[in-house]
Amino acid sequence: MRLIERPSPNHDARPGAVDMLVLHYTGMQSAEAALARLCDPQAKVSAHYTIDEAGTLYRHVAEERRAWHAGVSFWAGEPNVNGRSIGIELVNPGHEFGYRAFPEEQIAALTTLCHSILVRHPIPSARVLGHSDIAPARKEDPGELFPWARLAKNGIGLWPQPKPGHFTAQALSHFGYDPDAPQDKVITAFQRHFRPKKLDGVWDAECTAILEGLLSA
């Protein structure tokens, strides 16, 4: 995996330890445009890493520093997701500019990077998340084409075995989702991650079984 240092000035001190990993797509028309923005002091955004579609890895911010990738976000009672997470951007035009599948080279590089991060930081599987999970009212990335199940098979993140259950959508807050976000947005974010074949924002028996599997994992 090729590593290029592309430092960003957009970071500050961490308030504590790392226990989350957040995956994004860049949502811009080119890799260079995304890299330029992540390193622009006026933009005030960054990530720890970016991986382009050829699998090249760019390092922007040291892991011991807080990168500014999550924005207004929430997970499991914590509104300062930046403070405890590592953020990885995947070059992809996103839903606005022609969302497409993530190439093999990109996912292979991501898998290698994530394995190395998980060696350095004790991040539970349930805290490997997408931007849409932590900001469901405003974000869709990395989106329904992202191969979450494949990563889970490689020990990165959580993929449920559905089980019979009786959970309602309100129980999503027990897993970590923001209880104050619009419910249809939260359900859609949950579906985007764990049931990508159908994104309708409607809670059904399949969602119940998936959540049961997650909460009992």
C-alpha atoms as a PDB file:
ATOM      1  CA  MET A   1       0.000   0.000   0.000  1.00  0.00           C
ATOM      2  CA  ARG A   2       1.493   3.313  -1.091  1.00  0.00           C
ATOM      3  CA  LEU A   3       1.546   6.023   1.606  1.00  0.00           C
ATOM      4  CA  ILE A   4       1.837   9.725   0.787  1.00  0.00           C
ATOM      5  CA  GLU A   5       2.184  12.357   3.493  1.00  0.00           C
ATOM      6  CA  ARG A   6      -0.309  15.166   2.782  1.00  0.00           C
ATOM      7  CA  PRO A   7      -0.434  17.094   6.059  1.00  0.00           C
ATOM      8  CA  SER A   8      -3.468  19.124   7.032  1.00  0.00           C
ATOM      9  CA  PRO A   9      -3.256  22.062   9.437  1.00  0.00           C
ATOM     10  CA  ASN A  10      -6.779  21.316  10.646  1.00  0.00           C
ATOM     11  CA  HIS A  11      -6.368  19.453  13.927  1.00  0.00           C
ATOM     12  CA  ASP A  12      -5.996  20.018  17.629  1.00  0.00           C
ATOM     13  CA  ALA A  13      -5.351  18.138  20.871  1.00  0.00           C
ATOM     14  CA  ARG A  14      -7.424  15.104  21.758  1.00  0.00           C
ATOM     15  CA  PRO A  15      -9.338  15.228  25.031  1.00  0.00           C
ATOM     16  CA  GLY A  16      -8.954  11.475  25.602  1.00  0.00           C
ATOM     17  CA  ALA A  17      -8.392   8.035  24.140  1.00  0.00           C
ATOM     18  CA  VAL A  18      -9.528   6.732  20.739  1.00  0.00           C
ATOM     19  CA  ASP A  19     -12.374   4.214  20.801  1.00  0.00           C
ATOM     20  CA  MET A  20     -14.214   4.904  17.514  1.00  0.00           C
ATOM     21  CA  LEU A  21     -13.462   4.591  13.814  1.00  0.00           C
ATOM     22  CA  VAL A  22     -15.601   6.623  11.384  1.00  0.00           C
ATOM     23  CA  LEU A  23     -15.658   6.009   7.629  1.00  0.00           C
ATOM     24  CA  HIS A  24     -16.652   8.656   5.085  1.00  0.00           C
ATOM     25  CA  TYR A  25     -16.738   9.257   1.380  1.00  0.00           C
ATOM     26  CA  THR A  26     -15.306  12.507   0.059  1.00  0.00           C
ATOM     27  CA  GLY A  27     -18.418  13.471  -1.944  1.00  0.00           C
ATOM     28  CA  MET A  28     -16.444  15.653  -4.348  1.00  0.00           C
ATOM     29  CA  GLN A  29     -15.880  15.512  -8.101  1.00  0.00           C
ATOM     30  CA  SER A  30     -12.219  14.501  -7.945  1.00  0.00           C
ATOM     31  CA  ALA A  31      -9.639  13.125  -5.557  1.00  0.00           C
ATOM     32  CA  GLU A  32      -7.475  16.217  -5.878  1.00  0.00           C
ATOM     33  CA  ALA A  33     -10.369  18.516  -5.021  1.00  0.00           C
ATOM     34  CA  ALA A  34     -11.072  16.467  -1.903  1.00  0.00           C
ATOM     35  CA  LEU A  35      -7.421  16.394  -0.841  1.00  0.00           C
ATOM     36  CA  ALA A  36      -7.125  20.122  -1.348  1.00  0.00           C
ATOM     37  CA  ARG A  37     -10.173  20.813   0.791  1.00  0.00           C
ATOM     38  CA  LEU A  38      -9.028  18.508   3.598  1.00  0.00           C
ATOM     39  CA  CYS A  39      -5.735  20.408   3.717  1.00  0.00           C
ATOM     40  CA  ASP A  40      -7.152  23.925   3.315  1.00  0.00           C
ATOM     41  CA  PRO A  41      -6.872  25.945   6.549  1.00  0.00           C
ATOM     42  CA  GLN A  42      -9.886  28.010   5.519  1.00  0.00           C
ATOM     43  CA  ALA A  43     -12.101  24.929   5.188  1.00  0.00           C
ATOM     44  CA  LYS A  44     -11.512  23.866   8.802  1.00  0.00           C
ATOM     45  CA  VAL A  45     -12.148  20.193   7.956  1.00  0.00           C
ATOM     46  CA  SER A  46      -9.786  17.246   7.854  1.00  0.00           C
ATOM     47  CA  ALA A  47      -9.461  13.515   8.367  1.00  0.00           C
ATOM     48  CA  HIS A  48      -6.660  11.323   9.553  1.00  0.00           C
ATOM     49  CA  TYR A  49      -6.449   9.495   6.229  1.00  0.00           C
ATOM     50  CA  THR A  50      -7.801   9.514   2.679  1.00  0.00           C
ATOM     51  CA  ILE A  51      -7.720   6.522   0.332  1.00  0.00           C
ATOM     52  CA  ASP A  52      -8.141   7.152  -3.381  1.00  0.00           C
ATOM     53  CA  GLU A  53      -9.795   4.767  -5.822  1.00  0.00           C
ATOM     54  CA  ALA A  54      -6.435   3.267  -6.848  1.00  0.00           C
ATOM     55  CA  GLY A  55      -5.716   2.366  -3.225  1.00  0.00           C
ATOM     56  CA  THR A  56      -3.158   5.098  -2.504  1.00  0.00           C
ATOM     57  CA  LEU A  57      -3.193   6.187   1.129  1.00  0.00           C
ATOM     58  CA  TYR A  58      -2.763   9.824   2.147  1.00  0.00           C
ATOM     59  CA  ARG A  59      -2.015  10.708   5.762  1.00  0.00           C
ATOM     60  CA  HIS A  60      -3.255  14.120   6.881  1.00  0.00           C
ATOM     61  CA  VAL A  61      -3.313  14.108  10.689  1.00  0.00           C
ATOM     62  CA  ALA A  62      -1.460  12.009  13.251  1.00  0.00           C
ATOM     63  CA  GLU A  63      -3.714   9.577  15.081  1.00  0.00           C
ATOM     64  CA  GLU A  64      -2.872  11.103  18.447  1.00  0.00           C
ATOM     65  CA  ARG A  65      -4.374  14.412  17.292  1.00  0.00           C
ATOM     66  CA  ARG A  66      -8.058  15.251  16.810  1.00  0.00           C
ATOM     67  CA  ALA A  67      -8.994  15.636  13.154  1.00  0.00           C
ATOM     68  CA  TRP A  68     -12.105  17.597  12.200  1.00  0.00           C
ATOM     69  CA  HIS A  69     -14.114  15.061  10.203  1.00  0.00           C
ATOM     70  CA  ALA A  70     -17.341  14.297  12.080  1.00  0.00           C
ATOM     71  CA  GLY A  71     -18.892  17.747  12.474  1.00  0.00           C
ATOM     72  CA  VAL A  72     -22.109  17.922  14.478  1.00  0.00           C
ATOM     73  CA  SER A  73     -22.490  14.286  15.509  1.00  0.00           C
ATOM     74  CA  PHE A  74     -23.550  11.901  18.260  1.00  0.00           C
ATOM     75  CA  TRP A  75     -22.995   8.302  19.245  1.00  0.00           C
ATOM     76  CA  ALA A  76     -23.918   6.456  22.441  1.00  0.00           C
ATOM     77  CA  GLY A  77     -24.313   9.587  24.514  1.00  0.00           C
ATOM     78  CA  GLU A  78     -21.204  11.282  23.130  1.00  0.00           C
ATOM     79  CA  PRO A  79     -21.583  14.497  21.103  1.00  0.00           C
ATOM     80  CA  ASN A  80     -17.820  15.002  20.641  1.00  0.00           C
ATOM     81  CA  VAL A  81     -17.176  12.194  18.171  1.00  0.00           C
ATOM     82  CA  ASN A  82     -14.077  13.909  16.766  1.00  0.00           C
ATOM     83  CA  GLY A  83     -12.462  13.783  20.166  1.00  0.00           C
ATOM     84  CA  ARG A  84     -12.487   9.996  20.405  1.00  0.00           C
ATOM     85  CA  SER A  85     -12.404   8.819  16.776  1.00  0.00           C
ATOM     86  CA  ILE A  86     -10.154   8.257  13.801  1.00  0.00           C
ATOM     87  CA  GLY A  87     -11.639   9.439  10.510  1.00  0.00           C
ATOM     88  CA  ILE A  88     -10.965   7.864   7.110  1.00  0.00           C
ATOM     89  CA  GLU A  89     -12.137   9.430   3.847  1.00  0.00           C
ATOM     90  CA  LEU A  90     -12.701   7.263   0.766  1.00  0.00           C
ATOM     91  CA  VAL A  91     -12.535   9.055  -2.561  1.00  0.00           C
ATOM     92  CA  ASN A  92     -15.967   8.693  -4.150  1.00  0.00           C
ATOM     93  CA  PRO A  93     -18.117  11.365  -5.837  1.00  0.00           C
ATOM     94  CA  GLY A  94     -20.991  10.495  -3.524  1.00  0.00           C
ATOM     95  CA  HIS A  95     -24.704  10.809  -4.071  1.00  0.00           C
ATOM     96  CA  GLU A  96     -24.451  14.371  -5.380  1.00  0.00           C
ATOM     97  CA  PHE A  97     -21.897  13.756  -8.132  1.00  0.00           C
ATOM     98  CA  GLY A  98     -22.450  10.164  -9.295  1.00  0.00           C
ATOM     99  CA  TYR A  99     -22.222   7.686  -6.431  1.00  0.00           C
ATOM    100  CA  ARG A 100     -20.544   4.457  -7.460  1.00  0.00           C
ATOM    101  CA  ALA A 101     -19.179   1.235  -6.021  1.00  0.00           C
ATOM    102  CA  PHE A 102     -15.872   1.321  -4.185  1.00  0.00           C
ATOM    103  CA  PRO A 103     -13.066  -0.304  -6.222  1.00  0.00           C
ATOM    104  CA  GLU A 104     -11.309  -3.455  -5.054  1.00  0.00           C
ATOM    105  CA  GLU A 105      -7.972  -1.648  -4.675  1.00  0.00           C
ATOM    106  CA  GLN A 106      -9.560   0.961  -2.424  1.00  0.00           C
ATOM    107  CA  ILE A 107     -11.265  -1.548  -0.154  1.00  0.00           C
ATOM    108  CA  ALA A 108      -8.135  -3.691   0.068  1.00  0.00           C
ATOM    109  CA  ALA A 109      -6.129  -0.652   1.184  1.00  0.00           C
ATOM    110  CA  LEU A 110      -8.863   0.294   3.659  1.00  0.00           C
ATOM    111  CA  THR A 111      -8.849  -3.213   5.121  1.00  0.00           C
ATOM    112  CA  THR A 112      -5.085  -3.086   5.637  1.00  0.00           C
ATOM    113  CA  LEU A 113      -5.269   0.374   7.201  1.00  0.00           C
ATOM    114  CA  CYS A 114      -8.127  -0.556   9.520  1.00  0.00           C
ATOM    115  CA  HIS A 115      -6.298  -3.652  10.733  1.00  0.00           C
ATOM    116  CA  SER A 116      -3.296  -1.516  11.639  1.00  0.00           C
ATOM    117  CA  ILE A 117      -5.493   1.038  13.435  1.00  0.00           C
ATOM    118  CA  LEU A 118      -7.250  -1.677  15.424  1.00  0.00           C
ATOM    119  CA  VAL A 119      -3.878  -2.973  16.609  1.00  0.00           C
ATOM    120  CA  ARG A 120      -3.016   0.483  17.938  1.00  0.00           C
ATOM    121  CA  HIS A 121      -6.402   1.368  19.439  1.00  0.00           C
ATOM    122  CA  PRO A 122      -8.953  -0.783  21.358  1.00  0.00           C
ATOM    123  CA  ILE A 123     -11.957   0.040  19.160  1.00  0.00           C
ATOM    124  CA  PRO A 124     -14.974  -2.265  19.702  1.00  0.00           C
ATOM    125  CA  SER A 125     -16.592  -3.691  16.578  1.00  0.00           C
ATOM    126  CA  ALA A 126     -19.846  -1.849  17.324  1.00  0.00           C
ATOM    127  CA  ARG A 127     -17.966   1.458  17.205  1.00  0.00           C
ATOM    128  CA  VAL A 128     -16.748   1.111  13.617  1.00  0.00           C
ATOM    129  CA  LEU A 129     -19.305   3.389  11.985  1.00  0.00           C
ATOM    130  CA  GLY A 130     -20.235   5.459   8.982  1.00  0.00           C
ATOM    131  CA  HIS A 131     -20.662   9.202   8.946  1.00  0.00           C
ATOM    132  CA  SER A 132     -24.385   8.643   8.393  1.00  0.00           C
ATOM    133  CA  ASP A 133     -24.597   6.651  11.631  1.00  0.00           C
ATOM    134  CA  ILE A 134     -23.259   9.503  13.743  1.00  0.00           C
ATOM    135  CA  ALA A 135     -24.987  12.311  11.798  1.00  0.00           C
ATOM    136  CA  PRO A 136     -28.156  10.741  10.342  1.00  0.00           C
ATOM    137  CA  ALA A 137     -30.023  14.000   9.822  1.00  0.00           C
ATOM    138  CA  ARG A 138     -27.435  15.417   7.437  1.00  0.00           C
ATOM    139  CA  LYS A 139     -25.105  12.721   6.077  1.00  0.00           C
ATOM    140  CA  GLU A 140     -25.422   9.662   3.796  1.00  0.00           C
ATOM    141  CA  ASP A 141     -21.829   8.484   3.574  1.00  0.00           C
ATOM    142  CA  PRO A 142     -20.203   6.113   2.994  1.00  0.00           C
ATOM    143  CA  GLY A 143     -23.577   4.977   1.653  1.00  0.00           C
ATOM    144  CA  GLU A 144     -25.460   1.855   0.701  1.00  0.00           C
ATOM    145  CA  LEU A 145     -22.789   0.607  -1.739  1.00  0.00           C
ATOM    146  CA  PHE A 146     -20.147   0.410   0.964  1.00  0.00           C
ATOM    147  CA  PRO A 147     -19.239  -3.262   1.730  1.00  0.00           C
ATOM    148  CA  TRP A 148     -19.806  -3.334   5.487  1.00  0.00           C
ATOM    149  CA  ALA A 149     -20.418  -7.103   5.509  1.00  0.00           C
ATOM    150  CA  ARG A 150     -17.100  -7.760   3.788  1.00  0.00           C
ATOM    151  CA  LEU A 151     -15.205  -5.656   6.292  1.00  0.00           C
ATOM    152  CA  ALA A 152     -16.910  -7.445   9.183  1.00  0.00           C
ATOM    153  CA  LYS A 153     -15.793 -10.793   7.764  1.00  0.00           C
ATOM    154  CA  ASN A 154     -12.276  -9.403   7.951  1.00  0.00           C
ATOM    155  CA  GLY A 155     -12.662  -8.425  11.603  1.00  0.00           C
ATOM    156  CA  ILE A 156     -13.544  -4.771  11.014  1.00  0.00           C
ATOM    157  CA  GLY A 157     -16.887  -3.658  12.389  1.00  0.00           C
ATOM    158  CA  LEU A 158     -20.049  -5.538  13.155  1.00  0.00           C
ATOM    159  CA  TRP A 159     -22.437  -7.381  10.863  1.00  0.00           C
ATOM    160  CA  PRO A 160     -25.525  -8.901  12.492  1.00  0.00           C
ATOM    161  CA  GLN A 161     -27.041 -12.333  12.358  1.00  0.00           C
ATOM    162  CA  PRO A 162     -30.768 -11.448  12.418  1.00  0.00           C
ATOM    163  CA  LYS A 163     -32.746 -12.943  15.305  1.00  0.00           C
ATOM    164  CA  PRO A 164     -36.414 -12.837  16.295  1.00  0.00           C
ATOM    165  CA  GLY A 165     -37.123  -9.863  18.527  1.00  0.00           C
ATOM    166  CA  HIS A 166     -39.637  -7.245  19.558  1.00  0.00           C
ATOM    167  CA  PHE A 167     -37.625  -4.038  19.342  1.00  0.00           C
ATOM    168  CA  THR A 168     -39.198  -0.832  18.087  1.00  0.00           C
ATOM    169  CA  ALA A 169     -37.264   1.907  16.312  1.00  0.00           C
ATOM    170  CA  GLN A 170     -36.807   3.706  19.634  1.00  0.00           C
ATOM    171  CA  ALA A 171     -34.427   0.919  20.664  1.00  0.00           C
ATOM    172  CA  LEU A 172     -31.918   2.207  18.099  1.00  0.00           C
ATOM    173  CA  SER A 173     -30.759   4.595  20.813  1.00  0.00           C
ATOM    174  CA  HIS A 174     -29.642   1.564  22.847  1.00  0.00           C
ATOM    175  CA  PHE A 175     -27.251   0.690  20.036  1.00  0.00           C
ATOM    176  CA  GLY A 176     -25.946   4.246  19.893  1.00  0.00           C
ATOM    177  CA  TYR A 177     -28.022   6.326  17.483  1.00  0.00           C
ATOM    178  CA  ASP A 178     -29.079   9.833  18.454  1.00  0.00           C
ATOM    179  CA  PRO A 179     -32.501   9.661  20.173  1.00  0.00           C
ATOM    180  CA  ASP A 180     -33.162  13.308  19.300  1.00  0.00           C
ATOM    181  CA  ALA A 181     -32.560  13.020  15.536  1.00  0.00           C
ATOM    182  CA  PRO A 182     -35.604  12.682  13.206  1.00  0.00           C
ATOM    183  CA  GLN A 183     -36.720   9.072  13.480  1.00  0.00           C
ATOM    184  CA  ASP A 184     -37.080   8.447   9.743  1.00  0.00           C
ATOM    185  CA  LYS A 185     -33.511   9.712   9.222  1.00  0.00           C
ATOM    186  CA  VAL A 186     -32.191   7.447  11.967  1.00  0.00           C
ATOM    187  CA  ILE A 187     -34.012   4.426  10.537  1.00  0.00           C
ATOM    188  CA  THR A 188     -32.673   5.192   7.068  1.00  0.00           C
ATOM    189  CA  ALA A 189     -29.122   5.500   8.423  1.00  0.00           C
ATOM    190  CA  PHE A 190     -29.529   2.154  10.184  1.00  0.00           C
ATOM    191  CA  GLN A 191     -30.827   0.596   6.962  1.00  0.00           C
ATOM    192  CA  ARG A 192     -28.035   2.176   4.910  1.00  0.00           C
ATOM    193  CA  HIS A 193     -25.479   0.441   7.107  1.00  0.00           C
ATOM    194  CA  PHE A 194     -27.168  -2.845   7.982  1.00  0.00           C
ATOM    195  CA  ARG A 195     -29.962  -3.353   5.389  1.00  0.00           C
ATOM    196  CA  PRO A 196     -28.766  -1.528   2.248  1.00  0.00           C
ATOM    197  CA  LYS A 197     -31.089  -3.356  -0.148  1.00  0.00           C
ATOM    198  CA  LYS A 198     -34.082  -1.303   1.038  1.00  0.00           C
ATOM    199  CA  LEU A 199     -33.828   2.275   2.270  1.00  0.00           C
ATOM    200  CA  ASP A 200     -37.316   3.510   3.028  1.00  0.00           C
ATOM    201  CA  GLY A 201     -37.044   4.932   6.538  1.00  0.00           C
ATOM    202  CA  VAL A 202     -39.824   2.594   7.691  1.00  0.00           C
ATOM    203  CA  TRP A 203     -39.349   0.223  10.614  1.00  0.00           C
ATOM    204  CA  ASP A 204     -40.380  -3.353   9.853  1.00  0.00           C
ATOM    205  CA  ALA A 205     -39.889  -6.903  11.103  1.00  0.00           C
ATOM    206  CA  GLU A 206     -36.607  -7.291   9.237  1.00  0.00           C
ATOM    207  CA  CYS A 207     -35.198  -4.191  10.946  1.00  0.00           C
ATOM    208  CA  THR A 208     -36.306  -5.602  14.295  1.00  0.00           C
ATOM    209  CA  ALA A 209     -34.468  -8.874  13.641  1.00  0.00           C
ATOM    210  CA  ILE A 210     -31.309  -7.048  12.537  1.00  0.00           C
ATOM    211  CA  LEU A 211     -31.308  -4.840  15.634  1.00  0.00           C
ATOM    212  CA  GLU A 212     -31.845  -7.869  17.847  1.00  0.00           C
ATOM    213  CA  GLY A 213     -28.802  -9.467  16.221  1.00  0.00           C
ATOM    214  CA  LEU A 214     -26.714  -6.348  16.778  1.00  0.00           C
ATOM    215  CA  LEU A 215     -27.702  -5.875  20.402  1.00  0.00           C
ATOM    216  CA  SER A 216     -27.042  -9.531  21.217  1.00  0.00           C
ATOM    217  CA  ALA A 217     -23.709  -9.728  19.376  1.00  0.00           C
END
